[in-house]
Amino acid sequence: MSTKIYSAITEPTQSHPERALYKQTYVNTMMALLPALMKVAPQVSDTVAHETLVLGSGFTFAIDIDGFGRAITFEQHGSSWRVAADKEPDFVIEFRDLDYAFDVFSGAISLKEALAARLFATHGANSKGVAITYLFDTVLRTFFCWRSAYRR
């Protein structure tokens, strides 16, 4: 008989209802701020500016959270990003649940750690996925530099 060993970070977590409301509010706020952060990030970070140009004009990516009903799609426009309405994304970062999205958006864990722990799935070309993951991690590190996950 085989024994399964689970990592605490990959186990699905269920939030207490009061904490869940806090997490929903926080993630909603972050999703509302993301368009502004993505627009400013290429001017603040040379790495983000470079990755933006590597992805090419018109490239779209989405961030989606399962079971939460929130998703946002960005389109590369010139040397920056804007919200894309009614466009099919070229690449999707899909968080498995609200708790995992909260952990990443709050800086409790980095996007790279979340990817390694399979807290989100990606859909799209791997070549673009590496650039998007690096870009998004850099955006989070730029704006959450005080969090321990982004100081490493």
C-alpha atoms as a PDB file:
ATOM      1  CA  MET A   1       0.000   0.000   0.000  1.00  0.00           C
ATOM      2  CA  SER A   2       1.472   3.338  -1.006  1.00  0.00           C
ATOM      3  CA  THR A   3       1.489   6.285   1.326  1.00  0.00           C
ATOM      4  CA  LYS A   4       0.896   9.730  -0.082  1.00  0.00           C
ATOM      5  CA  ILE A   5       2.979  12.551   1.291  1.00  0.00           C
ATOM      6  CA  TYR A   6       1.494  15.996   0.919  1.00  0.00           C
ATOM      7  CA  SER A   7       3.235  19.311   1.161  1.00  0.00           C
ATOM      8  CA  ALA A   8       1.469  21.854   3.336  1.00  0.00           C
ATOM      9  CA  ILE A   9       1.820  24.471   0.629  1.00  0.00           C
ATOM     10  CA  THR A  10       0.044  22.376  -2.014  1.00  0.00           C
ATOM     11  CA  GLU A  11      -2.831  21.210   0.159  1.00  0.00           C
ATOM     12  CA  PRO A  12      -6.074  23.032  -0.601  1.00  0.00           C
ATOM     13  CA  THR A  13      -6.877  25.424   2.195  1.00  0.00           C
ATOM     14  CA  GLN A  14     -10.301  26.515   3.305  1.00  0.00           C
ATOM     15  CA  SER A  15     -10.522  29.958   4.792  1.00  0.00           C
ATOM     16  CA  HIS A  16     -12.619  30.806   7.787  1.00  0.00           C
ATOM     17  CA  PRO A  17     -15.586  32.862   6.480  1.00  0.00           C
ATOM     18  CA  GLU A  18     -14.322  36.100   8.064  1.00  0.00           C
ATOM     19  CA  ARG A  19     -10.834  35.580   6.632  1.00  0.00           C
ATOM     20  CA  ALA A  20     -12.375  34.622   3.292  1.00  0.00           C
ATOM     21  CA  LEU A  21     -14.175  37.977   3.167  1.00  0.00           C
ATOM     22  CA  TYR A  22     -10.890  39.750   3.935  1.00  0.00           C
ATOM     23  CA  LYS A  23      -9.114  37.775   1.215  1.00  0.00           C
ATOM     24  CA  GLN A  24     -11.881  38.488  -1.293  1.00  0.00           C
ATOM     25  CA  THR A  25     -11.679  42.196  -0.540  1.00  0.00           C
ATOM     26  CA  TYR A  26      -7.882  42.200  -0.771  1.00  0.00           C
ATOM     27  CA  VAL A  27      -7.768  40.223  -4.036  1.00  0.00           C
ATOM     28  CA  ASN A  28     -10.547  42.381  -5.524  1.00  0.00           C
ATOM     29  CA  THR A  29      -8.520  45.467  -4.627  1.00  0.00           C
ATOM     30  CA  MET A  30      -5.376  43.995  -6.169  1.00  0.00           C
ATOM     31  CA  MET A  31      -7.226  43.010  -9.339  1.00  0.00           C
ATOM     32  CA  ALA A  32      -8.513  46.593  -9.540  1.00  0.00           C
ATOM     33  CA  LEU A  33      -4.977  47.978  -9.059  1.00  0.00           C
ATOM     34  CA  LEU A  34      -3.295  45.607 -11.519  1.00  0.00           C
ATOM     35  CA  PRO A  35      -4.107  47.664 -14.631  1.00  0.00           C
ATOM     36  CA  ALA A  36      -2.394  50.707 -13.110  1.00  0.00           C
ATOM     37  CA  LEU A  37       0.563  48.617 -11.899  1.00  0.00           C
ATOM     38  CA  MET A  38       0.973  47.006 -15.328  1.00  0.00           C
ATOM     39  CA  LYS A  39       0.832  50.407 -17.022  1.00  0.00           C
ATOM     40  CA  VAL A  40       3.443  51.942 -14.709  1.00  0.00           C
ATOM     41  CA  ALA A  41       5.729  48.904 -14.312  1.00  0.00           C
ATOM     42  CA  PRO A  42       7.585  49.228 -17.659  1.00  0.00           C
ATOM     43  CA  GLN A  43       8.536  52.814 -16.745  1.00  0.00           C
ATOM     44  CA  VAL A  44       9.704  51.778 -13.263  1.00  0.00           C
ATOM     45  CA  SER A  45      11.525  48.533 -14.089  1.00  0.00           C
ATOM     46  CA  ASP A  46      13.922  47.925 -16.981  1.00  0.00           C
ATOM     47  CA  THR A  47      13.262  44.185 -16.639  1.00  0.00           C
ATOM     48  CA  VAL A  48       9.520  44.649 -17.119  1.00  0.00           C
ATOM     49  CA  ALA A  49      10.147  46.986 -20.063  1.00  0.00           C
ATOM     50  CA  HIS A  50      12.411  44.382 -21.689  1.00  0.00           C
ATOM     51  CA  GLU A  51       9.983  41.485 -21.127  1.00  0.00           C
ATOM     52  CA  THR A  52       7.133  43.627 -22.464  1.00  0.00           C
ATOM     53  CA  LEU A  53       9.023  44.205 -25.708  1.00  0.00           C
ATOM     54  CA  VAL A  54      10.027  40.523 -25.956  1.00  0.00           C
ATOM     55  CA  LEU A  55       6.371  39.454 -25.881  1.00  0.00           C
ATOM     56  CA  GLY A  56       5.555  41.666 -28.846  1.00  0.00           C
ATOM     57  CA  SER A  57       2.832  44.096 -29.733  1.00  0.00           C
ATOM     58  CA  GLY A  58      -0.703  42.792 -29.372  1.00  0.00           C
ATOM     59  CA  PHE A  59       0.221  39.904 -27.048  1.00  0.00           C
ATOM     60  CA  THR A  60      -2.528  39.259 -24.490  1.00  0.00           C
ATOM     61  CA  PHE A  61      -2.476  37.428 -21.172  1.00  0.00           C
ATOM     62  CA  ALA A  62      -5.100  36.862 -18.516  1.00  0.00           C
ATOM     63  CA  ILE A  63      -5.075  36.280 -14.781  1.00  0.00           C
ATOM     64  CA  ASP A  64      -7.979  34.129 -13.625  1.00  0.00           C
ATOM     65  CA  ILE A  65      -8.982  32.823 -10.193  1.00  0.00           C
ATOM     66  CA  ASP A  66     -11.027  29.606 -10.114  1.00  0.00           C
ATOM     67  CA  GLY A  67     -14.195  29.747  -8.055  1.00  0.00           C
ATOM     68  CA  PHE A  68     -13.905  33.486  -7.523  1.00  0.00           C
ATOM     69  CA  GLY A  69     -15.368  34.888 -10.705  1.00  0.00           C
ATOM     70  CA  ARG A  70     -12.595  37.428 -11.220  1.00  0.00           C
ATOM     71  CA  ALA A  71     -10.385  37.542 -14.271  1.00  0.00           C
ATOM     72  CA  ILE A  72      -8.546  40.296 -16.074  1.00  0.00           C
ATOM     73  CA  THR A  73      -6.923  40.324 -19.501  1.00  0.00           C
ATOM     74  CA  PHE A  74      -4.023  42.564 -20.481  1.00  0.00           C
ATOM     75  CA  GLU A  75      -2.828  43.469 -23.957  1.00  0.00           C
ATOM     76  CA  GLN A  76       0.673  44.639 -24.806  1.00  0.00           C
ATOM     77  CA  HIS A  77       0.325  48.046 -26.413  1.00  0.00           C
ATOM     78  CA  GLY A  78       3.435  49.912 -27.486  1.00  0.00           C
ATOM     79  CA  SER A  79       5.832  49.694 -24.571  1.00  0.00           C
ATOM     80  CA  SER A  80       3.140  49.243 -21.934  1.00  0.00           C
ATOM     81  CA  TRP A  81       0.035  47.231 -21.047  1.00  0.00           C
ATOM     82  CA  ARG A  82      -3.665  48.000 -21.086  1.00  0.00           C
ATOM     83  CA  VAL A  83      -6.819  46.107 -20.159  1.00  0.00           C
ATOM     84  CA  ALA A  84      -8.128  44.165 -23.134  1.00  0.00           C
ATOM     85  CA  ALA A  85     -11.875  43.857 -23.395  1.00  0.00           C
ATOM     86  CA  ASP A  86     -13.403  40.971 -25.339  1.00  0.00           C
ATOM     87  CA  LYS A  87     -10.083  39.525 -26.511  1.00  0.00           C
ATOM     88  CA  GLU A  88      -9.073  35.890 -26.328  1.00  0.00           C
ATOM     89  CA  PRO A  89      -5.812  35.775 -24.314  1.00  0.00           C
ATOM     90  CA  ASP A  90      -2.669  34.210 -25.776  1.00  0.00           C
ATOM     91  CA  PHE A  91      -1.635  33.064 -22.295  1.00  0.00           C
ATOM     92  CA  VAL A  92      -3.540  32.483 -19.031  1.00  0.00           C
ATOM     93  CA  ILE A  93      -2.351  32.297 -15.423  1.00  0.00           C
ATOM     94  CA  GLU A  94      -5.150  30.455 -13.625  1.00  0.00           C
ATOM     95  CA  PHE A  95      -4.979  30.331  -9.829  1.00  0.00           C
ATOM     96  CA  ARG A  96      -6.562  27.192  -8.403  1.00  0.00           C
ATOM     97  CA  ASP A  97      -8.453  29.107  -5.701  1.00  0.00           C
ATOM     98  CA  LEU A  98      -8.759  32.401  -3.859  1.00  0.00           C
ATOM     99  CA  ASP A  99      -6.381  31.399  -1.042  1.00  0.00           C
ATOM    100  CA  TYR A 100      -3.546  30.716  -3.476  1.00  0.00           C
ATOM    101  CA  ALA A 101      -4.123  34.005  -5.304  1.00  0.00           C
ATOM    102  CA  PHE A 102      -4.145  35.800  -1.955  1.00  0.00           C
ATOM    103  CA  ASP A 103      -0.842  34.175  -0.960  1.00  0.00           C
ATOM    104  CA  VAL A 104       0.818  35.429  -4.147  1.00  0.00           C
ATOM    105  CA  PHE A 105      -0.794  38.888  -4.263  1.00  0.00           C
ATOM    106  CA  SER A 106      -0.021  39.517  -0.597  1.00  0.00           C
ATOM    107  CA  GLY A 107       3.620  38.531  -1.043  1.00  0.00           C
ATOM    108  CA  ALA A 108       3.411  35.577   1.348  1.00  0.00           C
ATOM    109  CA  ILE A 109       4.989  33.466  -1.413  1.00  0.00           C
ATOM    110  CA  SER A 110       6.532  34.458  -4.705  1.00  0.00           C
ATOM    111  CA  LEU A 111       5.004  33.625  -8.053  1.00  0.00           C
ATOM    112  CA  LYS A 112       7.939  31.305  -8.755  1.00  0.00           C
ATOM    113  CA  GLU A 113       7.301  29.417  -5.495  1.00  0.00           C
ATOM    114  CA  ALA A 114       3.601  29.186  -6.347  1.00  0.00           C
ATOM    115  CA  LEU A 115       4.429  27.807  -9.787  1.00  0.00           C
ATOM    116  CA  ALA A 116       6.774  25.217  -8.285  1.00  0.00           C
ATOM    117  CA  ALA A 117       4.039  24.195  -5.822  1.00  0.00           C
ATOM    118  CA  ARG A 118       1.446  24.084  -8.645  1.00  0.00           C
ATOM    119  CA  LEU A 119      -0.810  26.633  -7.002  1.00  0.00           C
ATOM    120  CA  PHE A 120      -1.775  27.877 -10.441  1.00  0.00           C
ATOM    121  CA  ALA A 121      -1.956  26.459 -13.928  1.00  0.00           C
ATOM    122  CA  THR A 122      -0.820  28.091 -17.133  1.00  0.00           C
ATOM    123  CA  HIS A 123      -2.388  27.808 -20.551  1.00  0.00           C
ATOM    124  CA  GLY A 124      -0.490  28.898 -23.644  1.00  0.00           C
ATOM    125  CA  ALA A 125       2.900  28.602 -25.296  1.00  0.00           C
ATOM    126  CA  ASN A 126       5.701  27.709 -22.871  1.00  0.00           C
ATOM    127  CA  SER A 127       8.075  30.164 -24.544  1.00  0.00           C
ATOM    128  CA  LYS A 128       5.689  33.018 -23.746  1.00  0.00           C
ATOM    129  CA  GLY A 129       4.869  31.536 -20.342  1.00  0.00           C
ATOM    130  CA  VAL A 130       8.438  31.931 -19.140  1.00  0.00           C
ATOM    131  CA  ALA A 131       8.437  35.598 -20.154  1.00  0.00           C
ATOM    132  CA  ILE A 132       5.006  36.243 -18.587  1.00  0.00           C
ATOM    133  CA  THR A 133       5.919  34.489 -15.337  1.00  0.00           C
ATOM    134  CA  TYR A 134       9.177  36.451 -15.141  1.00  0.00           C
ATOM    135  CA  LEU A 135       7.382  39.711 -16.000  1.00  0.00           C
ATOM    136  CA  PHE A 136       4.561  39.219 -13.489  1.00  0.00           C
ATOM    137  CA  ASP A 137       6.994  38.127 -10.756  1.00  0.00           C
ATOM    138  CA  THR A 138       9.047  41.273 -11.405  1.00  0.00           C
ATOM    139  CA  VAL A 139       5.920  43.452 -11.231  1.00  0.00           C
ATOM    140  CA  LEU A 140       4.977  41.902  -7.887  1.00  0.00           C
ATOM    141  CA  ARG A 141       8.559  42.222  -6.585  1.00  0.00           C
ATOM    142  CA  THR A 142       8.682  45.882  -7.673  1.00  0.00           C
ATOM    143  CA  PHE A 143       5.520  46.800  -5.801  1.00  0.00           C
ATOM    144  CA  PHE A 144       5.855  44.366  -2.856  1.00  0.00           C
ATOM    145  CA  CYS A 145       9.589  44.654  -2.185  1.00  0.00           C
ATOM    146  CA  TRP A 146       9.026  44.854   1.569  1.00  0.00           C
ATOM    147  CA  ARG A 147       7.484  41.356   1.671  1.00  0.00           C
ATOM    148  CA  SER A 148       9.876  38.539   2.573  1.00  0.00           C
ATOM    149  CA  ALA A 149       8.919  36.423  -0.456  1.00  0.00           C
ATOM    150  CA  TYR A 150      10.147  39.199  -2.762  1.00  0.00           C
ATOM    151  CA  ARG A 151      13.320  40.179  -0.886  1.00  0.00           C
ATOM    152  CA  ARG A 152      15.136  36.949  -1.747  1.00  0.00           C
END
